[in-house]
C-alpha atoms as a PDB file:
ATOM      1  CA  MET A   1     133.305   9.919-101.232  1.00  0.00           C
ATOM      2  CA  LEU A   2     135.890  10.706 -98.531  1.00  0.00           C
ATOM      3  CA  LYS A   3     133.793  13.643 -97.364  1.00  0.00           C
ATOM      4  CA  LEU A   4     130.741  11.385 -97.083  1.00  0.00           C
ATOM      5  CA  ARG A   5     132.668   8.848 -94.974  1.00  0.00           C
ATOM      6  CA  MET A   6     134.032  11.587 -92.722  1.00  0.00           C
ATOM      7  CA  LEU A   7     130.536  13.009 -92.308  1.00  0.00           C
ATOM      8  CA  THR A   8     129.163   9.546 -91.490  1.00  0.00           C
ATOM      9  CA  VAL A   9     131.890   8.917 -88.897  1.00  0.00           C
ATOM     10  CA  PHE A  10     131.266  12.358 -87.409  1.00  0.00           C
ATOM     11  CA  LEU A  11     127.499  11.755 -87.167  1.00  0.00           C
ATOM     12  CA  ILE A  12     127.981   8.306 -85.608  1.00  0.00           C
ATOM     13  CA  ALA A  13     130.399   9.760 -83.071  1.00  0.00           C
ATOM     14  CA  GLN A  14     127.900  12.510 -82.232  1.00  0.00           C
ATOM     15  CA  LEU A  15     125.118   9.957 -81.843  1.00  0.00           C
ATOM     16  CA  LEU A  16     127.245   7.802 -79.544  1.00  0.00           C
ATOM     17  CA  PHE A  17     128.210  10.838 -77.488  1.00  0.00           C
ATOM     18  CA  ILE A  18     124.584  11.960 -77.102  1.00  0.00           C
ATOM     19  CA  THR A  19     123.251   8.521 -76.133  1.00  0.00           C
ATOM     20  CA  ALA A  20     126.159   7.446 -73.932  1.00  0.00           C
ATOM     21  CA  PRO A  21     125.460   7.624 -70.193  1.00  0.00           C
ATOM     22  CA  SER A  22     127.005  10.785 -68.857  1.00  0.00           C
ATOM     23  CA  ALA A  23     128.760  11.290 -65.567  1.00  0.00           C
ATOM     24  CA  GLN A  24     125.906  13.585 -64.639  1.00  0.00           C
ATOM     25  CA  ASN A  25     123.432  10.690 -64.883  1.00  0.00           C
ATOM     26  CA  HIS A  26     125.534   8.701 -62.421  1.00  0.00           C
ATOM     27  CA  SER A  27     126.172  11.536 -60.020  1.00  0.00           C
ATOM     28  CA  SER A  28     122.916  10.982 -58.134  1.00  0.00           C
ATOM     29  CA  ASP A  29     124.254   7.583 -57.076  1.00  0.00           C
ATOM     30  CA  GLU A  30     127.690   8.971 -56.260  1.00  0.00           C
ATOM     31  CA  LYS A  31     126.550  11.870 -54.082  1.00  0.00           C
ATOM     32  CA  ILE A  32     124.006  12.301 -51.369  1.00  0.00           C
ATOM     33  CA  ARG A  33     120.835  13.933 -52.653  1.00  0.00           C
ATOM     34  CA  TRP A  34     120.751  16.813 -50.185  1.00  0.00           C
ATOM     35  CA  MET A  35     117.509  18.775 -49.935  1.00  0.00           C
ATOM     36  CA  ASN A  36     116.497  22.000 -48.274  1.00  0.00           C
ATOM     37  CA  TRP A  37     113.642  22.161 -45.749  1.00  0.00           C
ATOM     38  CA  GLU A  38     111.016  23.106 -48.308  1.00  0.00           C
ATOM     39  CA  GLU A  39     112.001  20.255 -50.631  1.00  0.00           C
ATOM     40  CA  VAL A  40     111.917  17.629 -47.896  1.00  0.00           C
ATOM     41  CA  GLN A  41     108.481  18.775 -46.721  1.00  0.00           C
ATOM     42  CA  GLU A  42     107.183  18.430 -50.297  1.00  0.00           C
ATOM     43  CA  ALA A  43     108.853  15.021 -50.784  1.00  0.00           C
ATOM     44  CA  LEU A  44     107.250  13.696 -47.594  1.00  0.00           C
ATOM     45  CA  LYS A  45     103.812  14.406 -49.063  1.00  0.00           C
ATOM     46  CA  LYS A  46     104.580  11.936 -51.851  1.00  0.00           C
ATOM     47  CA  GLU A  47     106.593   9.243 -50.034  1.00  0.00           C
ATOM     48  CA  LYS A  48     107.116   8.785 -46.310  1.00  0.00           C
ATOM     49  CA  ARG A  49     110.706   8.257 -45.152  1.00  0.00           C
ATOM     50  CA  PRO A  50     112.782   9.197 -42.144  1.00  0.00           C
ATOM     51  CA  VAL A  51     114.897  12.334 -42.470  1.00  0.00           C
ATOM     52  CA  ILE A  52     118.595  12.692 -41.692  1.00  0.00           C
ATOM     53  CA  VAL A  53     119.797  16.236 -41.056  1.00  0.00           C
ATOM     54  CA  ASP A  54     123.457  17.249 -41.086  1.00  0.00           C
ATOM     55  CA  VAL A  55     123.580  20.354 -38.889  1.00  0.00           C
ATOM     56  CA  TYR A  56     126.827  22.189 -39.625  1.00  0.00           C
ATOM     57  CA  THR A  57     128.464  25.608 -39.834  1.00  0.00           C
ATOM     58  CA  HIS A  58     130.836  26.934 -42.469  1.00  0.00           C
ATOM     59  CA  TRP A  59     133.654  27.380 -39.901  1.00  0.00           C
ATOM     60  CA  CYS A  60     133.392  23.891 -38.360  1.00  0.00           C
ATOM     61  CA  GLY A  61     136.515  21.838 -39.105  1.00  0.00           C
ATOM     62  CA  TRP A  62     135.000  18.486 -38.102  1.00  0.00           C
ATOM     63  CA  CYS A  63     131.999  19.212 -40.326  1.00  0.00           C
ATOM     64  CA  LYS A  64     134.371  19.508 -43.276  1.00  0.00           C
ATOM     65  CA  VAL A  65     136.153  16.280 -42.315  1.00  0.00           C
ATOM     66  CA  MET A  66     132.806  14.513 -42.105  1.00  0.00           C
ATOM     67  CA  ASP A  67     131.865  15.790 -45.566  1.00  0.00           C
ATOM     68  CA  ARG A  68     135.194  14.668 -46.988  1.00  0.00           C
ATOM     69  CA  LYS A  69     135.457  11.264 -45.296  1.00  0.00           C
ATOM     70  CA  THR A  70     132.018  10.071 -44.166  1.00  0.00           C
ATOM     71  CA  PHE A  71     129.494  11.637 -46.528  1.00  0.00           C
ATOM     72  CA  SER A  72     131.659  10.760 -49.541  1.00  0.00           C
ATOM     73  CA  ASP A  73     131.704   7.028 -48.707  1.00  0.00           C
ATOM     74  CA  LYS A  74     129.806   4.976 -51.321  1.00  0.00           C
ATOM     75  CA  GLU A  75     128.062   2.783 -48.729  1.00  0.00           C
ATOM     76  CA  VAL A  76     126.890   5.844 -46.788  1.00  0.00           C
ATOM     77  CA  ILE A  77     125.734   7.573 -49.973  1.00  0.00           C
ATOM     78  CA  ARG A  78     123.742   4.538 -51.143  1.00  0.00           C
ATOM     79  CA  TYR A  79     122.180   3.971 -47.726  1.00  0.00           C
ATOM     80  CA  ILE A  80     121.119   7.573 -47.243  1.00  0.00           C
ATOM     81  CA  ASN A  81     119.754   7.928 -50.777  1.00  0.00           C
ATOM     82  CA  LYS A  82     117.772   4.679 -50.447  1.00  0.00           C
ATOM     83  CA  HIS A  83     116.346   5.057 -46.931  1.00  0.00           C
ATOM     84  CA  PHE A  84     116.259   8.758 -46.019  1.00  0.00           C
ATOM     85  CA  TYR A  85     115.553  12.236 -47.178  1.00  0.00           C
ATOM     86  CA  ALA A  86     118.722  14.169 -46.412  1.00  0.00           C
ATOM     87  CA  VAL A  87     118.930  17.797 -45.334  1.00  0.00           C
ATOM     88  CA  LYS A  88     122.190  19.750 -45.175  1.00  0.00           C
ATOM     89  CA  PHE A  89     121.406  22.508 -42.689  1.00  0.00           C
ATOM     90  CA  ASN A  90     123.740  25.416 -41.976  1.00  0.00           C
ATOM     91  CA  ALA A  91     122.828  26.345 -38.394  1.00  0.00           C
ATOM     92  CA  GLU A  92     123.848  29.926 -39.132  1.00  0.00           C
ATOM     93  CA  GLN A  93     121.707  30.248 -42.253  1.00  0.00           C
ATOM     94  CA  ARG A  94     120.720  33.878 -42.720  1.00  0.00           C
ATOM     95  CA  GLU A  95     117.716  33.289 -44.965  1.00  0.00           C
ATOM     96  CA  PRO A  96     114.398  32.579 -43.207  1.00  0.00           C
ATOM     97  CA  ILE A  97     113.271  28.944 -43.190  1.00  0.00           C
ATOM     98  CA  SER A  98     109.678  27.800 -43.450  1.00  0.00           C
ATOM     99  CA  PHE A  99     109.213  24.653 -41.366  1.00  0.00           C
ATOM    100  CA  LYS A 100     105.908  23.083 -40.341  1.00  0.00           C
ATOM    101  CA  GLY A 101     104.029  26.281 -41.101  1.00  0.00           C
ATOM    102  CA  LYS A 102     106.308  28.564 -39.090  1.00  0.00           C
ATOM    103  CA  THR A 103     109.106  30.883 -40.252  1.00  0.00           C
ATOM    104  CA  TYR A 104     112.480  30.718 -38.501  1.00  0.00           C
ATOM    105  CA  GLU A 105     115.035  33.508 -38.731  1.00  0.00           C
ATOM    106  CA  LEU A 106     118.545  34.275 -37.563  1.00  0.00           C
ATOM    107  CA  ILE A 107     118.758  35.209 -33.875  1.00  0.00           C
ATOM    108  CA  GLY A 108     121.578  36.372 -31.623  1.00  0.00           C
ATOM    109  CA  SER A 109     124.197  39.040 -32.012  1.00  0.00           C
ATOM    110  CA  GLY A 110     127.823  39.380 -32.988  1.00  0.00           C
ATOM    111  CA  ARG A 111     129.476  36.078 -33.787  1.00  0.00           C
ATOM    112  CA  ARG A 112     126.906  34.075 -31.837  1.00  0.00           C
ATOM    113  CA  LYS A 113     124.138  34.083 -34.418  1.00  0.00           C
ATOM    114  CA  VAL A 114     122.097  30.988 -35.150  1.00  0.00           C
ATOM    115  CA  ASN A 115     118.939  30.241 -37.052  1.00  0.00           C
ATOM    116  CA  ARG A 116     116.147  29.743 -34.521  1.00  0.00           C
ATOM    117  CA  LEU A 117     115.211  26.430 -36.185  1.00  0.00           C
ATOM    118  CA  ALA A 118     118.671  25.010 -35.416  1.00  0.00           C
ATOM    119  CA  TYR A 119     118.374  26.225 -31.843  1.00  0.00           C
ATOM    120  CA  GLU A 120     114.972  24.581 -31.409  1.00  0.00           C
ATOM    121  CA  LEU A 121     115.811  21.315 -33.191  1.00  0.00           C
ATOM    122  CA  LEU A 122     119.029  20.877 -31.182  1.00  0.00           C
ATOM    123  CA  ARG A 123     117.212  21.913 -28.005  1.00  0.00           C
ATOM    124  CA  GLY A 124     119.689  24.692 -27.361  1.00  0.00           C
ATOM    125  CA  ARG A 125     122.738  22.398 -27.469  1.00  0.00           C
ATOM    126  CA  LEU A 126     124.619  23.914 -30.366  1.00  0.00           C
ATOM    127  CA  ALA A 127     127.408  21.496 -31.254  1.00  0.00           C
ATOM    128  CA  TYR A 128     128.728  20.908 -34.754  1.00  0.00           C
ATOM    129  CA  PRO A 129     128.505  18.637 -36.534  1.00  0.00           C
ATOM    130  CA  THR A 130     125.275  17.162 -35.196  1.00  0.00           C
ATOM    131  CA  ILE A 131     123.229  14.536 -36.982  1.00  0.00           C
ATOM    132  CA  LEU A 132     119.537  14.847 -36.346  1.00  0.00           C
ATOM    133  CA  TYR A 133     117.209  11.964 -37.183  1.00  0.00           C
ATOM    134  CA  MET A 134     113.536  12.722 -37.744  1.00  0.00           C
ATOM    135  CA  ASP A 135     110.542  10.529 -38.482  1.00  0.00           C
ATOM    136  CA  GLU A 136     108.314  10.919 -41.533  1.00  0.00           C
ATOM    137  CA  ASN A 137     106.282  13.564 -39.662  1.00  0.00           C
ATOM    138  CA  LEU A 138     109.420  15.630 -38.970  1.00  0.00           C
ATOM    139  CA  ASN A 139     109.437  14.805 -35.277  1.00  0.00           C
ATOM    140  CA  THR A 140     112.868  14.372 -33.711  1.00  0.00           C
ATOM    141  CA  ILE A 141     113.904  10.774 -33.038  1.00  0.00           C
ATOM    142  CA  VAL A 142     117.567  11.154 -32.075  1.00  0.00           C
ATOM    143  CA  ILE A 143     120.021  14.049 -31.777  1.00  0.00           C
ATOM    144  CA  SER A 144     123.574  12.778 -32.261  1.00  0.00           C
ATOM    145  CA  PRO A 145     126.309  15.407 -31.793  1.00  0.00           C
ATOM    146  CA  GLY A 146     129.901  14.992 -32.906  1.00  0.00           C
ATOM    147  CA  TYR A 147     131.956  13.654 -35.760  1.00  0.00           C
ATOM    148  CA  LYS A 148     130.922  10.239 -37.105  1.00  0.00           C
ATOM    149  CA  ASP A 149     133.145   7.930 -39.096  1.00  0.00           C
ATOM    150  CA  VAL A 150     131.531   5.536 -41.585  1.00  0.00           C
ATOM    151  CA  PRO A 151     130.940   2.577 -39.194  1.00  0.00           C
ATOM    152  CA  ALA A 152     129.445   4.832 -36.503  1.00  0.00           C
ATOM    153  CA  LEU A 153     127.114   6.593 -38.937  1.00  0.00           C
ATOM    154  CA  MET A 154     126.029   3.317 -40.542  1.00  0.00           C
ATOM    155  CA  LYS A 155     125.180   1.886 -37.127  1.00  0.00           C
ATOM    156  CA  GLU A 156     123.107   4.933 -36.218  1.00  0.00           C
ATOM    157  CA  MET A 157     121.276   4.922 -39.535  1.00  0.00           C
ATOM    158  CA  ARG A 158     120.387   1.230 -39.187  1.00  0.00           C
ATOM    159  CA  TYR A 159     119.086   1.943 -35.687  1.00  0.00           C
ATOM    160  CA  ILE A 160     116.680   4.441 -37.251  1.00  0.00           C
ATOM    161  CA  THR A 161     115.664   2.552 -40.399  1.00  0.00           C
ATOM    162  CA  THR A 162     114.992  -0.711 -38.555  1.00  0.00           C
ATOM    163  CA  LYS A 163     112.904   1.319 -36.057  1.00  0.00           C
ATOM    164  CA  SER A 164     114.936  -0.211 -33.245  1.00  0.00           C
ATOM    165  CA  TYR A 165     114.671   3.126 -31.450  1.00  0.00           C
ATOM    166  CA  LYS A 166     111.022   2.269 -30.683  1.00  0.00           C
ATOM    167  CA  THR A 167     111.921  -0.763 -28.567  1.00  0.00           C
ATOM    168  CA  THR A 168     115.627  -0.556 -27.710  1.00  0.00           C
ATOM    169  CA  PRO A 169     117.524   2.284 -26.036  1.00  0.00           C
ATOM    170  CA  TRP A 170     120.573   3.442 -27.997  1.00  0.00           C
ATOM    171  CA  LYS A 171     123.000   2.307 -25.284  1.00  0.00           C
ATOM    172  CA  SER A 172     121.587  -1.234 -25.431  1.00  0.00           C
ATOM    173  CA  TYR A 173     121.585  -1.242 -29.236  1.00  0.00           C
ATOM    174  CA  GLN A 174     125.262  -0.304 -29.365  1.00  0.00           C
END
């Protein structure tokens, strides 16, 4: 009888463990859903949204601070996940990138290598971090270089999602 009770308790515990919401199920709401270029192009075929691109490098100190302080903020995470497709783009990515039917590769020499897509999207102004906002057709709306704290990033994102950029210059909006 004791063995049967222990087995019952064990099975109930297993059932509760299996059906309980896991941390993994919540992680999509607690982290930005970053995509690569191929994924965002596929997602745009199904649902149109603006795109926010975090252009960074692995050696950039302010990029790391922005990851730690700005992109980990719950309000920022919720807003990006709800309103944007998000791309985390290493400007020095070695692997070729397929974007709008064209392949972009690493260019330059020595320490000054950059993926040609980063060079073109940032119009040759390579500063990190840079936030790039694109419309649902992957056309550049705004290029915003430099570190952004939470209030600054939220203001920029609202400028894009309310489509204020179509009628109001950024300096007036601020």
